[in-house]
Amino acid sequence: MKRMTSVTQALTLWPADQHQVRPGRRRSRPPGQDPVQAVLAFEADDPYAVHLLFPHSHSAGEMVSWQFARALLVVGQGTAAGEGDVTVGPHEAAGYLVLTLVPEHGHELRFFAARSLVAKFVEATLEVVPLGREHERIAWDVELASLLGHQAQVTFREADIWGRTRPGTLAAAPDDRDMVVITVPSGVGQEVSWRVSRDELARQVERARRTFRARSREIRLQVPGDAELLLGVGAVQEFLLAGFQTALDGAS
């Protein structure tokens, strides 16, 4: 049997003023305050969060998404939970919860939701990812790579008659996607790091590829205050291409 990895739950929300409206009494709803149809969604790949989706008021087929911690729905069924843009808590009328959303620009939005539907959704998410086991579903290597930037282990060759090698790294600069941080041991064993633009690396690769001598298909990099190093164009091309693909994935 295929393991379930996502949960969705249709949810009817009643826009309300807590002091004027009692859920379940149609005659008490103020004029024009029609129910809002929404969807709660959960994905195992993002186990700490849930999404509340609303139809976009100006674009047919598009949804407006609010993301908040799943723990708010767990705790909010018994007591008020949340201090930021989203809060959840029990309503004085049995069988309902109060959900409050605070947009960045705009007035506070307060809704009533059926407790039974929210509880059904929470139970289903707990079957997919139990509380306390969220960390098991996160690809930490991918998350770390996205935080630190793309990085590749490479081997440099000294541009002298000896041709000794040095291990090093090429890494995307975390504060500037157009720059590459090169790190390599210096001649006295200490690590040295400096920056080179991606465009400059690409230009050097292109120049090296035009040569007819296979041994010359390397780019030259000057270690600050140290030696000149050579690096094969294949390693540089692979790094630049992987970084480009990462950028595309992040923009999609």
C-alpha atoms as a PDB file:
ATOM      1  CA  MET A   1       0.000   0.000   0.000  1.00  0.00           C
ATOM      2  CA  LYS A   2       1.327   3.420  -0.935  1.00  0.00           C
ATOM      3  CA  ARG A   3       2.022   5.574   2.094  1.00  0.00           C
ATOM      4  CA  MET A   4      -0.051   8.751   2.288  1.00  0.00           C
ATOM      5  CA  THR A   5       2.069  11.903   2.188  1.00  0.00           C
ATOM      6  CA  SER A   6      -0.530  14.684   2.109  1.00  0.00           C
ATOM      7  CA  VAL A   7      -3.830  15.611   3.748  1.00  0.00           C
ATOM      8  CA  THR A   8      -6.509  18.071   2.663  1.00  0.00           C
ATOM      9  CA  GLN A   9      -9.750  19.050   4.340  1.00  0.00           C
ATOM     10  CA  ALA A  10     -12.502  21.290   2.992  1.00  0.00           C
ATOM     11  CA  LEU A  11     -13.530  23.824   5.598  1.00  0.00           C
ATOM     12  CA  THR A  12     -16.387  26.324   5.867  1.00  0.00           C
ATOM     13  CA  LEU A  13     -15.470  29.500   7.716  1.00  0.00           C
ATOM     14  CA  TRP A  14     -17.977  32.056   8.990  1.00  0.00           C
ATOM     15  CA  PRO A  15     -16.667  35.644   9.089  1.00  0.00           C
ATOM     16  CA  ALA A  16     -17.764  36.943  12.464  1.00  0.00           C
ATOM     17  CA  ASP A  17     -17.501  39.481  15.198  1.00  0.00           C
ATOM     18  CA  GLN A  18     -17.018  37.433  18.327  1.00  0.00           C
ATOM     19  CA  HIS A  19     -19.409  39.624  20.291  1.00  0.00           C
ATOM     20  CA  GLN A  20     -22.273  39.629  17.783  1.00  0.00           C
ATOM     21  CA  VAL A  21     -22.322  36.249  16.106  1.00  0.00           C
ATOM     22  CA  ARG A  22     -22.931  32.806  17.489  1.00  0.00           C
ATOM     23  CA  PRO A  23     -22.041  30.031  15.050  1.00  0.00           C
ATOM     24  CA  GLY A  24     -24.791  27.641  14.152  1.00  0.00           C
ATOM     25  CA  ARG A  25     -27.520  30.303  14.365  1.00  0.00           C
ATOM     26  CA  ARG A  26     -28.178  31.444  10.828  1.00  0.00           C
ATOM     27  CA  ARG A  27     -30.455  34.273  11.897  1.00  0.00           C
ATOM     28  CA  SER A  28     -27.689  35.845  14.001  1.00  0.00           C
ATOM     29  CA  ARG A  29     -25.257  36.346  11.094  1.00  0.00           C
ATOM     30  CA  PRO A  30     -24.976  40.014  10.034  1.00  0.00           C
ATOM     31  CA  PRO A  31     -26.156  40.890   6.508  1.00  0.00           C
ATOM     32  CA  GLY A  32     -23.613  40.190   3.799  1.00  0.00           C
ATOM     33  CA  GLN A  33     -21.448  37.935   5.980  1.00  0.00           C
ATOM     34  CA  ASP A  34     -21.646  34.796   3.837  1.00  0.00           C
ATOM     35  CA  PRO A  35     -19.588  31.686   4.624  1.00  0.00           C
ATOM     36  CA  VAL A  36     -16.134  31.391   3.091  1.00  0.00           C
ATOM     37  CA  GLN A  37     -15.035  28.084   1.590  1.00  0.00           C
ATOM     38  CA  ALA A  38     -11.436  27.193   2.379  1.00  0.00           C
ATOM     39  CA  VAL A  39      -9.108  24.184   2.395  1.00  0.00           C
ATOM     40  CA  LEU A  40      -6.645  23.006   5.027  1.00  0.00           C
ATOM     41  CA  ALA A  41      -3.586  21.286   3.507  1.00  0.00           C
ATOM     42  CA  PHE A  42      -0.604  19.387   4.914  1.00  0.00           C
ATOM     43  CA  GLU A  43       2.446  17.880   3.192  1.00  0.00           C
ATOM     44  CA  ALA A  44       4.763  15.328   4.805  1.00  0.00           C
ATOM     45  CA  ASP A  45       7.783  17.041   3.228  1.00  0.00           C
ATOM     46  CA  ASP A  46       6.968  20.162   5.276  1.00  0.00           C
ATOM     47  CA  PRO A  47       5.782  18.449   8.470  1.00  0.00           C
ATOM     48  CA  TYR A  48       5.839  21.393  10.854  1.00  0.00           C
ATOM     49  CA  ALA A  49       3.455  23.524   8.790  1.00  0.00           C
ATOM     50  CA  VAL A  50      -0.107  23.571   7.492  1.00  0.00           C
ATOM     51  CA  HIS A  51      -1.664  25.781   4.826  1.00  0.00           C
ATOM     52  CA  LEU A  52      -5.059  27.444   4.855  1.00  0.00           C
ATOM     53  CA  LEU A  53      -6.097  28.128   1.260  1.00  0.00           C
ATOM     54  CA  PHE A  54      -8.720  30.650   0.149  1.00  0.00           C
ATOM     55  CA  PRO A  55      -9.971  31.290  -3.411  1.00  0.00           C
ATOM     56  CA  HIS A  56      -8.424  34.501  -4.747  1.00  0.00           C
ATOM     57  CA  SER A  57     -11.099  37.195  -4.855  1.00  0.00           C
ATOM     58  CA  HIS A  58      -9.786  38.735  -8.099  1.00  0.00           C
ATOM     59  CA  SER A  59      -8.283  35.782  -9.991  1.00  0.00           C
ATOM     60  CA  ALA A  60     -10.375  32.739 -10.868  1.00  0.00           C
ATOM     61  CA  GLY A  61      -8.621  29.457 -10.129  1.00  0.00           C
ATOM     62  CA  GLU A  62      -5.912  31.023  -7.947  1.00  0.00           C
ATOM     63  CA  MET A  63      -5.611  30.537  -4.209  1.00  0.00           C
ATOM     64  CA  VAL A  64      -4.395  32.713  -1.353  1.00  0.00           C
ATOM     65  CA  SER A  65      -2.347  30.687   1.144  1.00  0.00           C
ATOM     66  CA  TRP A  66      -1.722  31.271   4.837  1.00  0.00           C
ATOM     67  CA  GLN A  67       1.024  29.102   6.320  1.00  0.00           C
ATOM     68  CA  PHE A  68       1.349  28.492  10.044  1.00  0.00           C
ATOM     69  CA  ALA A  69       2.531  25.849  12.507  1.00  0.00           C
ATOM     70  CA  ARG A  70       0.549  22.632  12.731  1.00  0.00           C
ATOM     71  CA  ALA A  71       0.986  22.904  16.512  1.00  0.00           C
ATOM     72  CA  LEU A  72      -1.470  25.824  16.528  1.00  0.00           C
ATOM     73  CA  LEU A  73      -4.270  23.516  15.400  1.00  0.00           C
ATOM     74  CA  VAL A  74      -3.228  20.823  17.875  1.00  0.00           C
ATOM     75  CA  VAL A  75      -3.050  23.126  20.912  1.00  0.00           C
ATOM     76  CA  GLY A  76      -5.773  25.540  19.741  1.00  0.00           C
ATOM     77  CA  GLN A  77      -8.513  22.939  20.137  1.00  0.00           C
ATOM     78  CA  GLY A  78      -8.161  23.148  23.902  1.00  0.00           C
ATOM     79  CA  THR A  79      -6.772  26.599  24.622  1.00  0.00           C
ATOM     80  CA  ALA A  80      -5.791  29.806  22.825  1.00  0.00           C
ATOM     81  CA  ALA A  81      -2.596  29.343  20.810  1.00  0.00           C
ATOM     82  CA  GLY A  82      -0.438  31.676  18.731  1.00  0.00           C
ATOM     83  CA  GLU A  83       0.897  35.190  19.187  1.00  0.00           C
ATOM     84  CA  GLY A  84       1.662  36.277  15.628  1.00  0.00           C
ATOM     85  CA  ASP A  85      -0.291  36.571  12.391  1.00  0.00           C
ATOM     86  CA  VAL A  86      -2.397  33.482  13.126  1.00  0.00           C
ATOM     87  CA  THR A  87      -4.130  32.488  16.375  1.00  0.00           C
ATOM     88  CA  VAL A  88      -6.454  29.573  17.101  1.00  0.00           C
ATOM     89  CA  GLY A  89      -8.609  28.914  20.136  1.00  0.00           C
ATOM     90  CA  PRO A  90     -11.889  27.414  21.337  1.00  0.00           C
ATOM     91  CA  HIS A  91     -15.091  29.425  21.059  1.00  0.00           C
ATOM     92  CA  GLU A  92     -17.555  29.736  23.926  1.00  0.00           C
ATOM     93  CA  ALA A  93     -20.109  27.942  21.748  1.00  0.00           C
ATOM     94  CA  ALA A  94     -19.431  24.220  21.908  1.00  0.00           C
ATOM     95  CA  GLY A  95     -18.258  22.660  18.692  1.00  0.00           C
ATOM     96  CA  TYR A  96     -16.500  25.698  17.215  1.00  0.00           C
ATOM     97  CA  LEU A  97     -13.045  27.228  17.082  1.00  0.00           C
ATOM     98  CA  VAL A  98     -12.085  30.853  16.503  1.00  0.00           C
ATOM     99  CA  LEU A  99      -9.411  31.406  13.852  1.00  0.00           C
ATOM    100  CA  THR A 100      -7.889  34.889  13.621  1.00  0.00           C
ATOM    101  CA  LEU A 101      -5.703  36.056  10.719  1.00  0.00           C
ATOM    102  CA  VAL A 102      -3.812  39.350  10.724  1.00  0.00           C
ATOM    103  CA  PRO A 103      -2.741  40.454   7.203  1.00  0.00           C
ATOM    104  CA  GLU A 104       0.419  42.523   6.834  1.00  0.00           C
ATOM    105  CA  HIS A 105      -1.702  45.396   5.563  1.00  0.00           C
ATOM    106  CA  GLY A 106      -5.363  45.357   6.512  1.00  0.00           C
ATOM    107  CA  HIS A 107      -7.804  44.604   9.268  1.00  0.00           C
ATOM    108  CA  GLU A 108      -7.835  41.551  11.478  1.00  0.00           C
ATOM    109  CA  LEU A 109      -9.947  38.700  10.069  1.00  0.00           C
ATOM    110  CA  ARG A 110     -11.856  36.533  12.519  1.00  0.00           C
ATOM    111  CA  PHE A 111     -13.600  33.286  11.538  1.00  0.00           C
ATOM    112  CA  PHE A 112     -15.558  30.502  13.172  1.00  0.00           C
ATOM    113  CA  ALA A 113     -14.696  26.920  12.123  1.00  0.00           C
ATOM    114  CA  ALA A 114     -16.264  23.607  13.048  1.00  0.00           C
ATOM    115  CA  ARG A 115     -14.080  21.946  15.681  1.00  0.00           C
ATOM    116  CA  SER A 116     -14.929  18.456  14.381  1.00  0.00           C
ATOM    117  CA  LEU A 117     -13.540  19.185  10.887  1.00  0.00           C
ATOM    118  CA  VAL A 118     -10.346  20.719  12.248  1.00  0.00           C
ATOM    119  CA  ALA A 119      -9.898  17.743  14.605  1.00  0.00           C
ATOM    120  CA  LYS A 120     -10.431  15.336  11.693  1.00  0.00           C
ATOM    121  CA  PHE A 121      -7.761  17.130   9.689  1.00  0.00           C
ATOM    122  CA  VAL A 122      -5.277  17.170  12.587  1.00  0.00           C
ATOM    123  CA  GLU A 123      -5.784  13.450  13.266  1.00  0.00           C
ATOM    124  CA  ALA A 124      -5.136  12.658   9.612  1.00  0.00           C
ATOM    125  CA  THR A 125      -1.890  14.670   9.621  1.00  0.00           C
ATOM    126  CA  LEU A 126      -0.735  12.870  12.770  1.00  0.00           C
ATOM    127  CA  GLU A 127      -1.231   9.541  11.018  1.00  0.00           C
ATOM    128  CA  VAL A 128       1.092  10.757   8.263  1.00  0.00           C
ATOM    129  CA  VAL A 129       3.687  12.388  10.555  1.00  0.00           C
ATOM    130  CA  PRO A 130       3.254  11.915  14.326  1.00  0.00           C
ATOM    131  CA  LEU A 131       4.166  14.721  16.708  1.00  0.00           C
ATOM    132  CA  GLY A 132       7.826  14.577  17.668  1.00  0.00           C
ATOM    133  CA  ARG A 133       8.853  12.775  14.494  1.00  0.00           C
ATOM    134  CA  GLU A 134       8.736  15.707  12.090  1.00  0.00           C
ATOM    135  CA  HIS A 135      12.534  15.827  11.858  1.00  0.00           C
ATOM    136  CA  GLU A 136      12.555  12.348  10.284  1.00  0.00           C
ATOM    137  CA  ARG A 137      10.723  13.657   7.211  1.00  0.00           C
ATOM    138  CA  ILE A 138      12.999  16.623   6.469  1.00  0.00           C
ATOM    139  CA  ALA A 139      15.858  16.241   3.976  1.00  0.00           C
ATOM    140  CA  TRP A 140      18.395  18.061   6.123  1.00  0.00           C
ATOM    141  CA  ASP A 141      21.156  17.782   3.504  1.00  0.00           C
ATOM    142  CA  VAL A 142      18.958  19.630   1.005  1.00  0.00           C
ATOM    143  CA  GLU A 143      17.943  22.221   3.597  1.00  0.00           C
ATOM    144  CA  LEU A 144      21.561  22.774   4.588  1.00  0.00           C
ATOM    145  CA  ALA A 145      22.616  23.132   0.957  1.00  0.00           C
ATOM    146  CA  SER A 146      19.928  25.764   0.413  1.00  0.00           C
ATOM    147  CA  LEU A 147      21.184  27.677   3.462  1.00  0.00           C
ATOM    148  CA  LEU A 148      24.882  27.435   2.694  1.00  0.00           C
ATOM    149  CA  GLY A 149      24.616  27.658  -1.067  1.00  0.00           C
ATOM    150  CA  HIS A 150      25.825  25.236  -3.710  1.00  0.00           C
ATOM    151  CA  GLN A 151      29.298  23.841  -2.981  1.00  0.00           C
ATOM    152  CA  ALA A 152      31.702  21.495  -4.770  1.00  0.00           C
ATOM    153  CA  GLN A 153      34.913  19.767  -3.715  1.00  0.00           C
ATOM    154  CA  VAL A 154      37.646  20.234  -6.337  1.00  0.00           C
ATOM    155  CA  THR A 155      41.359  19.586  -6.777  1.00  0.00           C
ATOM    156  CA  PHE A 156      43.722  22.384  -7.802  1.00  0.00           C
ATOM    157  CA  ARG A 157      47.134  21.899  -9.425  1.00  0.00           C
ATOM    158  CA  GLU A 158      50.023  24.233  -8.800  1.00  0.00           C
ATOM    159  CA  ALA A 159      51.071  26.005 -11.982  1.00  0.00           C
ATOM    160  CA  ASP A 160      54.772  25.220 -11.679  1.00  0.00           C
ATOM    161  CA  ILE A 161      57.098  22.469 -12.829  1.00  0.00           C
ATOM    162  CA  TRP A 162      56.214  20.311  -9.847  1.00  0.00           C
ATOM    163  CA  GLY A 163      52.456  20.272 -10.419  1.00  0.00           C
ATOM    164  CA  ARG A 164      51.604  19.460  -6.829  1.00  0.00           C
ATOM    165  CA  THR A 165      47.887  19.339  -5.987  1.00  0.00           C
ATOM    166  CA  ARG A 166      45.792  21.016  -3.321  1.00  0.00           C
ATOM    167  CA  PRO A 167      42.213  20.157  -2.302  1.00  0.00           C
ATOM    168  CA  GLY A 168      39.746  22.998  -2.180  1.00  0.00           C
ATOM    169  CA  THR A 169      36.144  24.095  -2.664  1.00  0.00           C
ATOM    170  CA  LEU A 170      34.018  26.243  -4.910  1.00  0.00           C
ATOM    171  CA  ALA A 171      30.945  27.610  -3.139  1.00  0.00           C
ATOM    172  CA  ALA A 172      28.137  29.991  -3.952  1.00  0.00           C
ATOM    173  CA  ALA A 173      28.511  33.172  -1.902  1.00  0.00           C
ATOM    174  CA  PRO A 174      25.599  33.169   0.581  1.00  0.00           C
ATOM    175  CA  ASP A 175      25.087  36.934   0.270  1.00  0.00           C
ATOM    176  CA  ASP A 176      25.621  37.343  -3.492  1.00  0.00           C
ATOM    177  CA  ARG A 177      24.521  34.728  -6.027  1.00  0.00           C
ATOM    178  CA  ASP A 178      26.750  36.309  -8.681  1.00  0.00           C
ATOM    179  CA  MET A 179      29.940  35.553  -6.735  1.00  0.00           C
ATOM    180  CA  VAL A 180      31.824  32.322  -6.048  1.00  0.00           C
ATOM    181  CA  VAL A 181      33.925  31.769  -2.918  1.00  0.00           C
ATOM    182  CA  ILE A 182      37.110  29.793  -3.587  1.00  0.00           C
ATOM    183  CA  THR A 183      38.805  28.153  -0.601  1.00  0.00           C
ATOM    184  CA  VAL A 184      42.155  26.359  -0.749  1.00  0.00           C
ATOM    185  CA  PRO A 185      45.079  25.635   1.621  1.00  0.00           C
ATOM    186  CA  SER A 186      47.896  28.136   1.251  1.00  0.00           C
ATOM    187  CA  GLY A 187      51.536  27.169   0.862  1.00  0.00           C
ATOM    188  CA  VAL A 188      51.939  27.143   4.653  1.00  0.00           C
ATOM    189  CA  GLY A 189      48.843  25.052   5.265  1.00  0.00           C
ATOM    190  CA  GLN A 190      46.361  27.746   6.292  1.00  0.00           C
ATOM    191  CA  GLU A 191      43.080  28.092   4.427  1.00  0.00           C
ATOM    192  CA  VAL A 192      42.706  31.064   2.138  1.00  0.00           C
ATOM    193  CA  SER A 193      39.361  32.232   0.705  1.00  0.00           C
ATOM    194  CA  TRP A 194      38.658  34.815  -1.956  1.00  0.00           C
ATOM    195  CA  ARG A 195      35.862  35.719  -4.349  1.00  0.00           C
ATOM    196  CA  VAL A 196      35.552  35.516  -8.105  1.00  0.00           C
ATOM    197  CA  SER A 197      32.472  36.429 -10.137  1.00  0.00           C
ATOM    198  CA  ARG A 198      30.585  33.659 -11.911  1.00  0.00           C
ATOM    199  CA  ASP A 199      30.938  35.615 -15.148  1.00  0.00           C
ATOM    200  CA  GLU A 200      34.715  35.676 -14.824  1.00  0.00           C
ATOM    201  CA  LEU A 201      34.847  31.914 -14.252  1.00  0.00           C
ATOM    202  CA  ALA A 202      32.587  31.351 -17.264  1.00  0.00           C
ATOM    203  CA  ARG A 203      34.816  33.543 -19.445  1.00  0.00           C
ATOM    204  CA  GLN A 204      37.924  31.625 -18.381  1.00  0.00           C
ATOM    205  CA  VAL A 205      36.201  28.315 -19.116  1.00  0.00           C
ATOM    206  CA  GLU A 206      35.250  29.508 -22.582  1.00  0.00           C
ATOM    207  CA  ARG A 207      38.800  30.647 -23.346  1.00  0.00           C
ATOM    208  CA  ALA A 208      40.252  27.347 -22.119  1.00  0.00           C
ATOM    209  CA  ARG A 209      37.827  25.323 -24.229  1.00  0.00           C
ATOM    210  CA  ARG A 210      39.030  27.072 -27.393  1.00  0.00           C
ATOM    211  CA  THR A 211      42.585  25.783 -27.060  1.00  0.00           C
ATOM    212  CA  PHE A 212      43.692  22.732 -29.035  1.00  0.00           C
ATOM    213  CA  ARG A 213      46.028  21.527 -26.283  1.00  0.00           C
ATOM    214  CA  ALA A 214      44.247  19.251 -23.864  1.00  0.00           C
ATOM    215  CA  ARG A 215      46.679  20.107 -21.052  1.00  0.00           C
ATOM    216  CA  SER A 216      45.726  23.770 -21.410  1.00  0.00           C
ATOM    217  CA  ARG A 217      42.036  23.136 -20.800  1.00  0.00           C
ATOM    218  CA  GLU A 218      42.367  24.538 -17.327  1.00  0.00           C
ATOM    219  CA  ILE A 219      41.670  27.918 -15.850  1.00  0.00           C
ATOM    220  CA  ARG A 220      44.232  29.861 -13.846  1.00  0.00           C
ATOM    221  CA  LEU A 221      43.469  31.216 -10.387  1.00  0.00           C
ATOM    222  CA  GLN A 222      45.807  33.318  -8.305  1.00  0.00           C
ATOM    223  CA  VAL A 223      45.788  32.562  -4.592  1.00  0.00           C
ATOM    224  CA  PRO A 224      46.104  35.949  -2.821  1.00  0.00           C
ATOM    225  CA  GLY A 225      49.712  36.325  -1.698  1.00  0.00           C
ATOM    226  CA  ASP A 226      50.566  32.793  -2.765  1.00  0.00           C
ATOM    227  CA  ALA A 227      50.839  30.589  -5.851  1.00  0.00           C
ATOM    228  CA  GLU A 228      48.978  30.406  -9.140  1.00  0.00           C
ATOM    229  CA  LEU A 229      46.730  27.359  -9.362  1.00  0.00           C
ATOM    230  CA  LEU A 230      45.161  25.485 -12.257  1.00  0.00           C
ATOM    231  CA  LEU A 231      41.683  23.959 -12.209  1.00  0.00           C
ATOM    232  CA  GLY A 232      40.170  21.731 -14.880  1.00  0.00           C
ATOM    233  CA  VAL A 233      37.382  23.285 -16.901  1.00  0.00           C
ATOM    234  CA  GLY A 234      35.192  20.203 -16.392  1.00  0.00           C
ATOM    235  CA  ALA A 235      35.010  20.765 -12.623  1.00  0.00           C
ATOM    236  CA  VAL A 236      34.244  24.459 -13.099  1.00  0.00           C
ATOM    237  CA  GLN A 237      31.574  23.789 -15.720  1.00  0.00           C
ATOM    238  CA  GLU A 238      29.885  21.224 -13.471  1.00  0.00           C
ATOM    239  CA  PHE A 239      29.841  23.674 -10.567  1.00  0.00           C
ATOM    240  CA  LEU A 240      28.454  26.541 -12.627  1.00  0.00           C
ATOM    241  CA  LEU A 241      25.772  24.351 -14.215  1.00  0.00           C
ATOM    242  CA  ALA A 242      24.681  22.910 -10.862  1.00  0.00           C
ATOM    243  CA  GLY A 243      24.458  26.410  -9.417  1.00  0.00           C
ATOM    244  CA  PHE A 244      22.378  27.535 -12.391  1.00  0.00           C
ATOM    245  CA  GLN A 245      19.971  24.604 -11.988  1.00  0.00           C
ATOM    246  CA  THR A 246      19.680  25.355  -8.245  1.00  0.00           C
ATOM    247  CA  ALA A 247      18.762  28.946  -9.018  1.00  0.00           C
ATOM    248  CA  LEU A 248      16.115  27.807 -11.509  1.00  0.00           C
ATOM    249  CA  ASP A 249      14.601  25.391  -8.976  1.00  0.00           C
ATOM    250  CA  GLY A 250      14.430  28.141  -6.371  1.00  0.00           C
ATOM    251  CA  ALA A 251      12.613  30.443  -8.782  1.00  0.00           C
ATOM    252  CA  SER A 252      10.001  27.900  -9.848  1.00  0.00           C
END
